[in-house]
């Protein structure tokens, strides 16, 4: 039986949710960079635990006070959510790890690979097709990223591996999140809450057995009010980023959420050159960075304002209908 088509969201909620996601994504990268690099906080993993605990606390208190609603736990919840929690924690940890090991400009360049990965997943899984202009824009993004990364004077194999894993997890997370936030099932709040619940305990155990927890307890900045303020701000922004990601995916597509992240990276890259303190200038790196950003902007324009946006919406409705059938 053919499922009913979901109504397309009005332009204003789509725009506002995209701007909200872009702002949260922009701010959390800067705050995490300060906590992990400027203050030399030893554990991205424990910072992730703080963000998960904040998410659980805010949503649970909101549910108790009837501000929001999501289903109570039952034995079907894990089945409805899987494999999103595993993808989510991989995305979370790899994102925090790569932020601490790369300069902001190189981080934003390599994060551009999320776009072609998302496109590849949508072509393979959803059967989408793209215009030549879109393909050329993606090629420019990849070319610029290779030029910039090839001349990176502060090369870090661990950092590059983390950010490329983060790209993969982000692309997969976007596709699955769109499928799981059906209001008739868990809804957007249920997806966020149970994601955090299922992964916080395993993440704490990993932190304990890898020695991260001991490093955190020995950290000397816990008496520094400014550090504590930044740490708490990162935890709150972690919740807002999770919420804004789901909200943007709810009103738009996984691809639009990825594109908004690319637009946000333009600002971060140039701010990182001025205030990050860890960008080592080279001509090729700078040229590659600008080619990558130009390709990202062109791609964003074609996707959001071009004819492809209507095609994405139609394909997305077909996907939702097929998964409900």
C-alpha atoms as a PDB file:
ATOM      1  CA  UNK A   1       0.000   0.000   0.000  1.00  0.00           C
ATOM      2  CA  UNK A   2       1.368   3.412  -0.953  1.00  0.00           C
ATOM      3  CA  UNK A   3       1.998   5.743   1.977  1.00  0.00           C
ATOM      4  CA  UNK A   4       0.763   9.291   2.052  1.00  0.00           C
ATOM      5  CA  UNK A   5       3.268  11.907   0.924  1.00  0.00           C
ATOM      6  CA  UNK A   6       4.577  14.219   3.622  1.00  0.00           C
ATOM      7  CA  UNK A   7       3.865  17.908   3.088  1.00  0.00           C
ATOM      8  CA  UNK A   8       6.824  20.035   2.107  1.00  0.00           C
ATOM      9  CA  UNK A   9       7.818  22.450   4.878  1.00  0.00           C
ATOM     10  CA  UNK A  10       7.217  26.166   4.371  1.00  0.00           C
ATOM     11  CA  UNK A  11      10.265  28.211   3.258  1.00  0.00           C
ATOM     12  CA  UNK A  12      10.631  30.143   6.541  1.00  0.00           C
ATOM     13  CA  UNK A  13      11.021  27.098   8.859  1.00  0.00           C
ATOM     14  CA  UNK A  14      13.430  25.558   6.349  1.00  0.00           C
ATOM     15  CA  UNK A  15      15.543  28.725   6.259  1.00  0.00           C
ATOM     16  CA  UNK A  16      15.474  29.327  10.029  1.00  0.00           C
ATOM     17  CA  UNK A  17      16.337  25.717  10.865  1.00  0.00           C
ATOM     18  CA  UNK A  18      19.275  25.861   8.432  1.00  0.00           C
ATOM     19  CA  UNK A  19      20.538  29.147   9.935  1.00  0.00           C
ATOM     20  CA  UNK A  20      20.144  27.754  13.462  1.00  0.00           C
ATOM     21  CA  UNK A  21      22.176  24.676  12.556  1.00  0.00           C
ATOM     22  CA  UNK A  22      24.844  26.780  10.870  1.00  0.00           C
ATOM     23  CA  UNK A  23      25.193  29.065  13.914  1.00  0.00           C
ATOM     24  CA  UNK A  24      25.414  26.146  16.372  1.00  0.00           C
ATOM     25  CA  UNK A  25      27.906  24.293  14.189  1.00  0.00           C
ATOM     26  CA  UNK A  26      30.033  27.436  13.842  1.00  0.00           C
ATOM     27  CA  UNK A  27      30.094  28.225  17.568  1.00  0.00           C
ATOM     28  CA  UNK A  28      30.818  24.710  18.823  1.00  0.00           C
ATOM     29  CA  UNK A  29      33.898  24.332  16.612  1.00  0.00           C
ATOM     30  CA  UNK A  30      35.357  27.551  18.024  1.00  0.00           C
ATOM     31  CA  UNK A  31      34.513  26.647  21.642  1.00  0.00           C
ATOM     32  CA  UNK A  32      35.786  23.059  21.319  1.00  0.00           C
ATOM     33  CA  UNK A  33      38.970  24.377  19.720  1.00  0.00           C
ATOM     34  CA  UNK A  34      39.502  26.661  22.726  1.00  0.00           C
ATOM     35  CA  UNK A  35      38.835  23.900  25.291  1.00  0.00           C
ATOM     36  CA  UNK A  36      40.972  21.243  23.584  1.00  0.00           C
ATOM     37  CA  UNK A  37      43.796  23.401  22.226  1.00  0.00           C
ATOM     38  CA  UNK A  38      44.078  26.645  24.191  1.00  0.00           C
ATOM     39  CA  UNK A  39      43.408  24.989  27.581  1.00  0.00           C
ATOM     40  CA  UNK A  40      44.907  21.642  26.465  1.00  0.00           C
ATOM     41  CA  UNK A  41      42.028  19.602  27.872  1.00  0.00           C
ATOM     42  CA  UNK A  42      43.304  15.997  27.548  1.00  0.00           C
ATOM     43  CA  UNK A  43      40.136  14.104  26.581  1.00  0.00           C
ATOM     44  CA  UNK A  44      37.833  14.824  23.632  1.00  0.00           C
ATOM     45  CA  UNK A  45      35.995  11.654  24.712  1.00  0.00           C
ATOM     46  CA  UNK A  46      35.120  13.068  28.140  1.00  0.00           C
ATOM     47  CA  UNK A  47      34.007  16.333  26.562  1.00  0.00           C
ATOM     48  CA  UNK A  48      31.625  14.244  24.471  1.00  0.00           C
ATOM     49  CA  UNK A  49      30.326  12.583  27.654  1.00  0.00           C
ATOM     50  CA  UNK A  50      29.608  16.024  29.099  1.00  0.00           C
ATOM     51  CA  UNK A  51      27.649  16.976  25.992  1.00  0.00           C
ATOM     52  CA  UNK A  52      25.626  13.730  26.092  1.00  0.00           C
ATOM     53  CA  UNK A  53      24.820  14.129  29.803  1.00  0.00           C
ATOM     54  CA  UNK A  54      23.700  17.728  29.209  1.00  0.00           C
ATOM     55  CA  UNK A  55      21.448  16.548  26.372  1.00  0.00           C
ATOM     56  CA  UNK A  56      19.863  13.823  28.515  1.00  0.00           C
ATOM     57  CA  UNK A  57      19.298  16.213  31.450  1.00  0.00           C
ATOM     58  CA  UNK A  58      17.742  19.012  29.365  1.00  0.00           C
ATOM     59  CA  UNK A  59      15.393  16.727  27.429  1.00  0.00           C
ATOM     60  CA  UNK A  60      14.350  14.655  30.449  1.00  0.00           C
ATOM     61  CA  UNK A  61      13.547  17.730  32.563  1.00  0.00           C
ATOM     62  CA  UNK A  62      11.668  19.245  29.604  1.00  0.00           C
ATOM     63  CA  UNK A  63       9.634  16.032  29.225  1.00  0.00           C
ATOM     64  CA  UNK A  64       8.806  15.955  32.966  1.00  0.00           C
ATOM     65  CA  UNK A  65       7.564  19.532  32.747  1.00  0.00           C
ATOM     66  CA  UNK A  66       5.527  18.676  29.624  1.00  0.00           C
ATOM     67  CA  UNK A  67       7.435  21.197  27.520  1.00  0.00           C
ATOM     68  CA  UNK A  68       8.232  18.513  24.946  1.00  0.00           C
ATOM     69  CA  UNK A  69       7.033  14.957  24.304  1.00  0.00           C
ATOM     70  CA  UNK A  70       8.702  11.773  23.161  1.00  0.00           C
ATOM     71  CA  UNK A  71       7.799   8.091  23.700  1.00  0.00           C
ATOM     72  CA  UNK A  72       8.617   6.343  26.977  1.00  0.00           C
ATOM     73  CA  UNK A  73      11.194   3.575  26.762  1.00  0.00           C
ATOM     74  CA  UNK A  74      10.053   0.154  25.612  1.00  0.00           C
ATOM     75  CA  UNK A  75      11.706  -2.915  24.081  1.00  0.00           C
ATOM     76  CA  UNK A  76      11.078  -1.648  20.529  1.00  0.00           C
ATOM     77  CA  UNK A  77      13.052   1.582  20.976  1.00  0.00           C
ATOM     78  CA  UNK A  78      16.511   0.061  20.241  1.00  0.00           C
ATOM     79  CA  UNK A  79      15.165  -1.622  17.108  1.00  0.00           C
ATOM     80  CA  UNK A  80      13.591   1.618  15.879  1.00  0.00           C
ATOM     81  CA  UNK A  81      16.783   3.600  16.502  1.00  0.00           C
ATOM     82  CA  UNK A  82      19.520   1.177  15.418  1.00  0.00           C
ATOM     83  CA  UNK A  83      22.136   1.772  13.929  1.00  0.00           C
ATOM     84  CA  UNK A  84      21.906   5.516  14.593  1.00  0.00           C
ATOM     85  CA  UNK A  85      23.484   5.439  18.108  1.00  0.00           C
ATOM     86  CA  UNK A  86      26.641   3.740  16.816  1.00  0.00           C
ATOM     87  CA  UNK A  87      26.889   6.194  13.922  1.00  0.00           C
ATOM     88  CA  UNK A  88      26.200   9.104  16.263  1.00  0.00           C
ATOM     89  CA  UNK A  89      28.934   8.260  18.783  1.00  0.00           C
ATOM     90  CA  UNK A  90      31.424   7.654  15.961  1.00  0.00           C
ATOM     91  CA  UNK A  91      30.534  11.048  14.478  1.00  0.00           C
ATOM     92  CA  UNK A  92      30.758  12.712  17.892  1.00  0.00           C
ATOM     93  CA  UNK A  93      34.140  11.303  18.954  1.00  0.00           C
ATOM     94  CA  UNK A  94      35.834  11.601  15.550  1.00  0.00           C
ATOM     95  CA  UNK A  95      34.644  15.216  15.281  1.00  0.00           C
ATOM     96  CA  UNK A  96      36.042  16.180  18.675  1.00  0.00           C
ATOM     97  CA  UNK A  97      39.314  14.324  18.065  1.00  0.00           C
ATOM     98  CA  UNK A  98      39.915  15.928  14.664  1.00  0.00           C
ATOM     99  CA  UNK A  99      39.165  19.405  16.041  1.00  0.00           C
ATOM    100  CA  UNK A 100      41.941  19.043  18.612  1.00  0.00           C
ATOM    101  CA  UNK A 101      44.563  17.700  16.176  1.00  0.00           C
ATOM    102  CA  UNK A 102      44.219  20.014  13.162  1.00  0.00           C
ATOM    103  CA  UNK A 103      44.362  23.742  12.506  1.00  0.00           C
ATOM    104  CA  UNK A 104      40.935  25.273  11.918  1.00  0.00           C
ATOM    105  CA  UNK A 105      41.519  26.012   8.195  1.00  0.00           C
ATOM    106  CA  UNK A 106      42.703  22.444   7.457  1.00  0.00           C
ATOM    107  CA  UNK A 107      39.870  21.017   9.554  1.00  0.00           C
ATOM    108  CA  UNK A 108      37.318  22.911   7.470  1.00  0.00           C
ATOM    109  CA  UNK A 109      38.972  21.894   4.176  1.00  0.00           C
ATOM    110  CA  UNK A 110      38.939  18.189   4.969  1.00  0.00           C
ATOM    111  CA  UNK A 111      35.379  18.414   6.311  1.00  0.00           C
ATOM    112  CA  UNK A 112      34.376  19.314   2.742  1.00  0.00           C
ATOM    113  CA  UNK A 113      34.683  15.626   1.853  1.00  0.00           C
ATOM    114  CA  UNK A 114      31.367  15.136   3.673  1.00  0.00           C
ATOM    115  CA  UNK A 115      29.620  16.631   0.614  1.00  0.00           C
ATOM    116  CA  UNK A 116      30.814  14.115  -2.016  1.00  0.00           C
ATOM    117  CA  UNK A 117      30.346  11.290   0.500  1.00  0.00           C
ATOM    118  CA  UNK A 118      26.739  12.376   1.062  1.00  0.00           C
ATOM    119  CA  UNK A 119      26.201  12.605  -2.691  1.00  0.00           C
ATOM    120  CA  UNK A 120      27.719   9.160  -3.193  1.00  0.00           C
ATOM    121  CA  UNK A 121      25.439   7.634  -0.537  1.00  0.00           C
ATOM    122  CA  UNK A 122      22.385   9.277  -2.066  1.00  0.00           C
ATOM    123  CA  UNK A 123      23.307   8.064  -5.564  1.00  0.00           C
ATOM    124  CA  UNK A 124      23.926   4.483  -4.376  1.00  0.00           C
ATOM    125  CA  UNK A 125      21.155   4.164  -1.783  1.00  0.00           C
ATOM    126  CA  UNK A 126      18.498   6.597  -2.992  1.00  0.00           C
ATOM    127  CA  UNK A 127      19.157   6.430  -6.732  1.00  0.00           C
ATOM    128  CA  UNK A 128      19.495  10.211  -7.169  1.00  0.00           C
ATOM    129  CA  UNK A 129      21.022  11.875 -10.216  1.00  0.00           C
ATOM    130  CA  UNK A 130      22.882  15.182 -10.385  1.00  0.00           C
ATOM    131  CA  UNK A 131      23.552  17.773 -13.050  1.00  0.00           C
ATOM    132  CA  UNK A 132      26.965  18.415 -14.601  1.00  0.00           C
ATOM    133  CA  UNK A 133      27.197  21.733 -12.701  1.00  0.00           C
ATOM    134  CA  UNK A 134      26.813  19.905  -9.393  1.00  0.00           C
ATOM    135  CA  UNK A 135      29.440  17.314 -10.367  1.00  0.00           C
ATOM    136  CA  UNK A 136      31.924  20.050 -11.397  1.00  0.00           C
ATOM    137  CA  UNK A 137      31.357  21.895  -8.123  1.00  0.00           C
ATOM    138  CA  UNK A 138      32.058  18.733  -6.140  1.00  0.00           C
ATOM    139  CA  UNK A 139      35.192  18.142  -8.241  1.00  0.00           C
ATOM    140  CA  UNK A 140      36.395  21.676  -7.392  1.00  0.00           C
ATOM    141  CA  UNK A 141      35.837  20.988  -3.688  1.00  0.00           C
ATOM    142  CA  UNK A 142      37.872  17.778  -3.832  1.00  0.00           C
ATOM    143  CA  UNK A 143      40.630  19.338  -5.968  1.00  0.00           C
ATOM    144  CA  UNK A 144      40.998  22.287  -3.607  1.00  0.00           C
ATOM    145  CA  UNK A 145      41.055  19.989  -0.574  1.00  0.00           C
ATOM    146  CA  UNK A 146      43.837  17.860  -2.099  1.00  0.00           C
ATOM    147  CA  UNK A 147      45.915  20.923  -2.993  1.00  0.00           C
ATOM    148  CA  UNK A 148      45.530  22.389   0.489  1.00  0.00           C
ATOM    149  CA  UNK A 149      46.115  19.103   2.313  1.00  0.00           C
ATOM    150  CA  UNK A 150      49.110  18.214   0.150  1.00  0.00           C
ATOM    151  CA  UNK A 151      50.908  21.382   1.234  1.00  0.00           C
ATOM    152  CA  UNK A 152      49.867  21.223   4.883  1.00  0.00           C
ATOM    153  CA  UNK A 153      52.991  22.076   6.857  1.00  0.00           C
ATOM    154  CA  UNK A 154      51.482  20.720  10.090  1.00  0.00           C
ATOM    155  CA  UNK A 155      50.475  17.299   8.720  1.00  0.00           C
ATOM    156  CA  UNK A 156      48.988  14.948  11.325  1.00  0.00           C
ATOM    157  CA  UNK A 157      48.106  11.405  10.212  1.00  0.00           C
ATOM    158  CA  UNK A 158      45.943  10.927  13.299  1.00  0.00           C
ATOM    159  CA  UNK A 159      44.173  14.247  12.689  1.00  0.00           C
ATOM    160  CA  UNK A 160      43.564  13.511   8.993  1.00  0.00           C
ATOM    161  CA  UNK A 161      42.269  10.019   9.792  1.00  0.00           C
ATOM    162  CA  UNK A 162      39.913  11.382  12.460  1.00  0.00           C
ATOM    163  CA  UNK A 163      38.439  14.077  10.228  1.00  0.00           C
ATOM    164  CA  UNK A 164      37.927  11.719   7.261  1.00  0.00           C
ATOM    165  CA  UNK A 165      36.189   9.244   9.579  1.00  0.00           C
ATOM    166  CA  UNK A 166      34.122  12.181  10.821  1.00  0.00           C
ATOM    167  CA  UNK A 167      33.163  12.956   7.206  1.00  0.00           C
ATOM    168  CA  UNK A 168      32.000   9.373   6.681  1.00  0.00           C
ATOM    169  CA  UNK A 169      30.002   9.254   9.925  1.00  0.00           C
ATOM    170  CA  UNK A 170      28.414  12.660   9.209  1.00  0.00           C
ATOM    171  CA  UNK A 171      27.245  11.577   5.752  1.00  0.00           C
ATOM    172  CA  UNK A 172      25.757   8.299   7.025  1.00  0.00           C
ATOM    173  CA  UNK A 173      24.288  10.028  10.088  1.00  0.00           C
ATOM    174  CA  UNK A 174      22.453  12.550   7.898  1.00  0.00           C
ATOM    175  CA  UNK A 175      20.767   9.873   5.799  1.00  0.00           C
ATOM    176  CA  UNK A 176      19.700   7.729   8.767  1.00  0.00           C
ATOM    177  CA  UNK A 177      18.564  10.701  10.881  1.00  0.00           C
ATOM    178  CA  UNK A 178      16.147  11.741   8.149  1.00  0.00           C
ATOM    179  CA  UNK A 179      14.639   8.253   8.217  1.00  0.00           C
ATOM    180  CA  UNK A 180      14.339   8.001  12.015  1.00  0.00           C
ATOM    181  CA  UNK A 181      12.674  11.323  12.937  1.00  0.00           C
ATOM    182  CA  UNK A 182       9.199  10.323  11.777  1.00  0.00           C
ATOM    183  CA  UNK A 183       6.788  12.009  14.272  1.00  0.00           C
ATOM    184  CA  UNK A 184       4.697   8.805  14.290  1.00  0.00           C
ATOM    185  CA  UNK A 185       7.702   6.901  15.623  1.00  0.00           C
ATOM    186  CA  UNK A 186      10.343   8.443  17.938  1.00  0.00           C
ATOM    187  CA  UNK A 187      10.128  12.029  16.703  1.00  0.00           C
ATOM    188  CA  UNK A 188      13.061  14.435  16.742  1.00  0.00           C
ATOM    189  CA  UNK A 189      13.274  14.667  20.558  1.00  0.00           C
ATOM    190  CA  UNK A 190      13.093  10.890  20.981  1.00  0.00           C
ATOM    191  CA  UNK A 191      15.895  10.364  18.469  1.00  0.00           C
ATOM    192  CA  UNK A 192      18.174  12.842  20.285  1.00  0.00           C
ATOM    193  CA  UNK A 193      17.335  11.581  23.799  1.00  0.00           C
ATOM    194  CA  UNK A 194      17.686   7.837  23.177  1.00  0.00           C
ATOM    195  CA  UNK A 195      20.781   8.356  21.035  1.00  0.00           C
ATOM    196  CA  UNK A 196      22.486  10.020  23.992  1.00  0.00           C
ATOM    197  CA  UNK A 197      21.125   7.471  26.510  1.00  0.00           C
ATOM    198  CA  UNK A 198      22.334   4.427  24.584  1.00  0.00           C
ATOM    199  CA  UNK A 199      25.835   5.778  24.011  1.00  0.00           C
ATOM    200  CA  UNK A 200      26.743   7.688  27.192  1.00  0.00           C
ATOM    201  CA  UNK A 201      27.514   4.592  29.321  1.00  0.00           C
ATOM    202  CA  UNK A 202      29.707   2.851  26.675  1.00  0.00           C
ATOM    203  CA  UNK A 203      31.525   6.154  26.107  1.00  0.00           C
ATOM    204  CA  UNK A 204      32.164   6.554  29.867  1.00  0.00           C
ATOM    205  CA  UNK A 205      33.521   2.979  30.003  1.00  0.00           C
ATOM    206  CA  UNK A 206      35.807   3.619  27.031  1.00  0.00           C
ATOM    207  CA  UNK A 207      37.036   6.804  28.710  1.00  0.00           C
ATOM    208  CA  UNK A 208      37.736   4.885  31.931  1.00  0.00           C
ATOM    209  CA  UNK A 209      39.567   1.922  30.381  1.00  0.00           C
ATOM    210  CA  UNK A 210      41.682   4.017  27.993  1.00  0.00           C
ATOM    211  CA  UNK A 211      43.010   6.183  30.835  1.00  0.00           C
ATOM    212  CA  UNK A 212      41.184   9.309  29.666  1.00  0.00           C
ATOM    213  CA  UNK A 213      39.212   9.513  32.910  1.00  0.00           C
ATOM    214  CA  UNK A 214      42.408   9.558  34.998  1.00  0.00           C
ATOM    215  CA  UNK A 215      43.857  12.333  32.823  1.00  0.00           C
ATOM    216  CA  UNK A 216      40.659  14.333  33.298  1.00  0.00           C
ATOM    217  CA  UNK A 217      40.747  13.986  37.097  1.00  0.00           C
ATOM    218  CA  UNK A 218      44.399  15.113  37.097  1.00  0.00           C
ATOM    219  CA  UNK A 219      43.697  18.100  34.835  1.00  0.00           C
ATOM    220  CA  UNK A 220      44.972  21.275  36.472  1.00  0.00           C
ATOM    221  CA  UNK A 221      42.439  23.763  35.064  1.00  0.00           C
ATOM    222  CA  UNK A 222      39.367  22.590  37.033  1.00  0.00           C
ATOM    223  CA  UNK A 223      39.881  25.516  39.408  1.00  0.00           C
ATOM    224  CA  UNK A 224      39.963  27.991  36.496  1.00  0.00           C
ATOM    225  CA  UNK A 225      36.545  29.675  36.263  1.00  0.00           C
ATOM    226  CA  UNK A 226      37.126  30.680  32.636  1.00  0.00           C
ATOM    227  CA  UNK A 227      37.876  27.072  31.649  1.00  0.00           C
ATOM    228  CA  UNK A 228      34.829  25.761  33.520  1.00  0.00           C
ATOM    229  CA  UNK A 229      32.691  28.346  31.713  1.00  0.00           C
ATOM    230  CA  UNK A 230      34.050  27.244  28.329  1.00  0.00           C
ATOM    231  CA  UNK A 231      33.572  23.562  29.212  1.00  0.00           C
ATOM    232  CA  UNK A 232      29.937  24.110  30.244  1.00  0.00           C
ATOM    233  CA  UNK A 233      29.346  26.225  27.132  1.00  0.00           C
ATOM    234  CA  UNK A 234      30.684  23.361  24.994  1.00  0.00           C
ATOM    235  CA  UNK A 235      28.283  20.937  26.736  1.00  0.00           C
ATOM    236  CA  UNK A 236      25.288  23.216  26.083  1.00  0.00           C
ATOM    237  CA  UNK A 237      26.356  23.800  22.480  1.00  0.00           C
ATOM    238  CA  UNK A 238      26.709  20.032  22.068  1.00  0.00           C
ATOM    239  CA  UNK A 239      23.021  19.659  22.886  1.00  0.00           C
ATOM    240  CA  UNK A 240      22.069  22.577  20.629  1.00  0.00           C
ATOM    241  CA  UNK A 241      24.098  21.118  17.766  1.00  0.00           C
ATOM    242  CA  UNK A 242      22.350  17.736  18.091  1.00  0.00           C
ATOM    243  CA  UNK A 243      18.977  19.450  18.227  1.00  0.00           C
ATOM    244  CA  UNK A 244      19.680  21.822  15.334  1.00  0.00           C
ATOM    245  CA  UNK A 245      21.027  18.974  13.174  1.00  0.00           C
ATOM    246  CA  UNK A 246      17.835  16.953  13.643  1.00  0.00           C
ATOM    247  CA  UNK A 247      15.697  20.079  13.171  1.00  0.00           C
ATOM    248  CA  UNK A 248      17.452  21.010   9.926  1.00  0.00           C
ATOM    249  CA  UNK A 249      17.165  17.426   8.650  1.00  0.00           C
ATOM    250  CA  UNK A 250      13.477  17.434   9.629  1.00  0.00           C
ATOM    251  CA  UNK A 251      12.592  20.563   7.643  1.00  0.00           C
ATOM    252  CA  UNK A 252      15.130  20.041   4.839  1.00  0.00           C
ATOM    253  CA  UNK A 253      17.167  17.149   3.474  1.00  0.00           C
ATOM    254  CA  UNK A 254      20.350  15.473   4.693  1.00  0.00           C
ATOM    255  CA  UNK A 255      22.085  17.090   1.737  1.00  0.00           C
ATOM    256  CA  UNK A 256      20.925  20.595   2.698  1.00  0.00           C
ATOM    257  CA  UNK A 257      22.211  20.046   6.241  1.00  0.00           C
ATOM    258  CA  UNK A 258      25.602  19.097   4.793  1.00  0.00           C
ATOM    259  CA  UNK A 259      25.606  22.136   2.510  1.00  0.00           C
ATOM    260  CA  UNK A 260      24.835  24.486   5.415  1.00  0.00           C
ATOM    261  CA  UNK A 261      27.859  23.040   7.188  1.00  0.00           C
ATOM    262  CA  UNK A 262      29.974  23.830   4.134  1.00  0.00           C
ATOM    263  CA  UNK A 263      28.790  27.445   4.092  1.00  0.00           C
ATOM    264  CA  UNK A 264      29.563  27.766   7.789  1.00  0.00           C
ATOM    265  CA  UNK A 265      33.097  26.485   7.159  1.00  0.00           C
ATOM    266  CA  UNK A 266      33.867  29.527   4.996  1.00  0.00           C
ATOM    267  CA  UNK A 267      33.711  31.782   8.047  1.00  0.00           C
ATOM    268  CA  UNK A 268      35.614  29.362  10.290  1.00  0.00           C
ATOM    269  CA  UNK A 269      38.467  28.925   7.818  1.00  0.00           C
ATOM    270  CA  UNK A 270      39.231  32.627   7.520  1.00  0.00           C
ATOM    271  CA  UNK A 271      38.728  33.318  11.231  1.00  0.00           C
ATOM    272  CA  UNK A 272      41.142  30.463  11.969  1.00  0.00           C
ATOM    273  CA  UNK A 273      43.808  32.157   9.840  1.00  0.00           C
ATOM    274  CA  UNK A 274      43.543  35.285  11.964  1.00  0.00           C
ATOM    275  CA  UNK A 275      42.879  34.099  15.506  1.00  0.00           C
ATOM    276  CA  UNK A 276      43.454  30.326  15.634  1.00  0.00           C
ATOM    277  CA  UNK A 277      47.178  30.614  16.247  1.00  0.00           C
ATOM    278  CA  UNK A 278      47.946  27.228  14.633  1.00  0.00           C
ATOM    279  CA  UNK A 279      47.674  28.011  10.903  1.00  0.00           C
ATOM    280  CA  UNK A 280      51.008  27.802   9.046  1.00  0.00           C
ATOM    281  CA  UNK A 281      50.787  29.837   5.839  1.00  0.00           C
ATOM    282  CA  UNK A 282      51.927  28.480   2.472  1.00  0.00           C
ATOM    283  CA  UNK A 283      50.952  29.643  -1.026  1.00  0.00           C
ATOM    284  CA  UNK A 284      49.653  26.251  -2.209  1.00  0.00           C
ATOM    285  CA  UNK A 285      47.727  25.723   0.999  1.00  0.00           C
ATOM    286  CA  UNK A 286      46.063  29.116   0.670  1.00  0.00           C
ATOM    287  CA  UNK A 287      45.237  28.574  -3.030  1.00  0.00           C
ATOM    288  CA  UNK A 288      43.797  25.130  -2.343  1.00  0.00           C
ATOM    289  CA  UNK A 289      41.752  26.458   0.540  1.00  0.00           C
ATOM    290  CA  UNK A 290      40.193  29.143  -1.647  1.00  0.00           C
ATOM    291  CA  UNK A 291      39.473  26.725  -4.522  1.00  0.00           C
ATOM    292  CA  UNK A 292      37.783  24.424  -2.049  1.00  0.00           C
ATOM    293  CA  UNK A 293      35.699  27.186  -0.520  1.00  0.00           C
ATOM    294  CA  UNK A 294      34.733  28.585  -3.948  1.00  0.00           C
ATOM    295  CA  UNK A 295      33.582  25.136  -5.037  1.00  0.00           C
ATOM    296  CA  UNK A 296      31.609  24.791  -1.827  1.00  0.00           C
ATOM    297  CA  UNK A 297      29.856  28.113  -2.327  1.00  0.00           C
ATOM    298  CA  UNK A 298      29.044  27.303  -5.952  1.00  0.00           C
ATOM    299  CA  UNK A 299      27.721  23.901  -4.940  1.00  0.00           C
ATOM    300  CA  UNK A 300      25.655  25.470  -2.167  1.00  0.00           C
ATOM    301  CA  UNK A 301      24.109  27.966  -4.586  1.00  0.00           C
ATOM    302  CA  UNK A 302      23.211  25.263  -7.108  1.00  0.00           C
ATOM    303  CA  UNK A 303      21.768  22.985  -4.436  1.00  0.00           C
ATOM    304  CA  UNK A 304      19.727  25.523  -2.490  1.00  0.00           C
ATOM    305  CA  UNK A 305      18.619  27.905  -5.241  1.00  0.00           C
ATOM    306  CA  UNK A 306      18.971  25.818  -8.397  1.00  0.00           C
ATOM    307  CA  UNK A 307      16.661  23.290  -9.996  1.00  0.00           C
ATOM    308  CA  UNK A 308      18.378  20.437  -8.152  1.00  0.00           C
ATOM    309  CA  UNK A 309      16.707  21.461  -4.873  1.00  0.00           C
ATOM    310  CA  UNK A 310      13.266  20.526  -6.203  1.00  0.00           C
ATOM    311  CA  UNK A 311      14.640  17.217  -7.457  1.00  0.00           C
ATOM    312  CA  UNK A 312      16.122  16.457  -4.005  1.00  0.00           C
ATOM    313  CA  UNK A 313      12.763  17.137  -2.348  1.00  0.00           C
ATOM    314  CA  UNK A 314      10.952  14.771  -4.719  1.00  0.00           C
ATOM    315  CA  UNK A 315      13.530  12.007  -4.247  1.00  0.00           C
ATOM    316  CA  UNK A 316      13.350  12.449  -0.477  1.00  0.00           C
ATOM    317  CA  UNK A 317       9.557  12.065  -0.422  1.00  0.00           C
ATOM    318  CA  UNK A 318       9.895   8.894  -2.502  1.00  0.00           C
ATOM    319  CA  UNK A 319      12.414   7.535   0.024  1.00  0.00           C
ATOM    320  CA  UNK A 320      10.094   8.267   2.963  1.00  0.00           C
ATOM    321  CA  UNK A 321       7.176   6.629   1.163  1.00  0.00           C
ATOM    322  CA  UNK A 322       9.207   3.502   0.367  1.00  0.00           C
ATOM    323  CA  UNK A 323      10.498   3.124   3.937  1.00  0.00           C
ATOM    324  CA  UNK A 324       6.953   3.410   5.331  1.00  0.00           C
ATOM    325  CA  UNK A 325       5.438   0.931   2.863  1.00  0.00           C
END
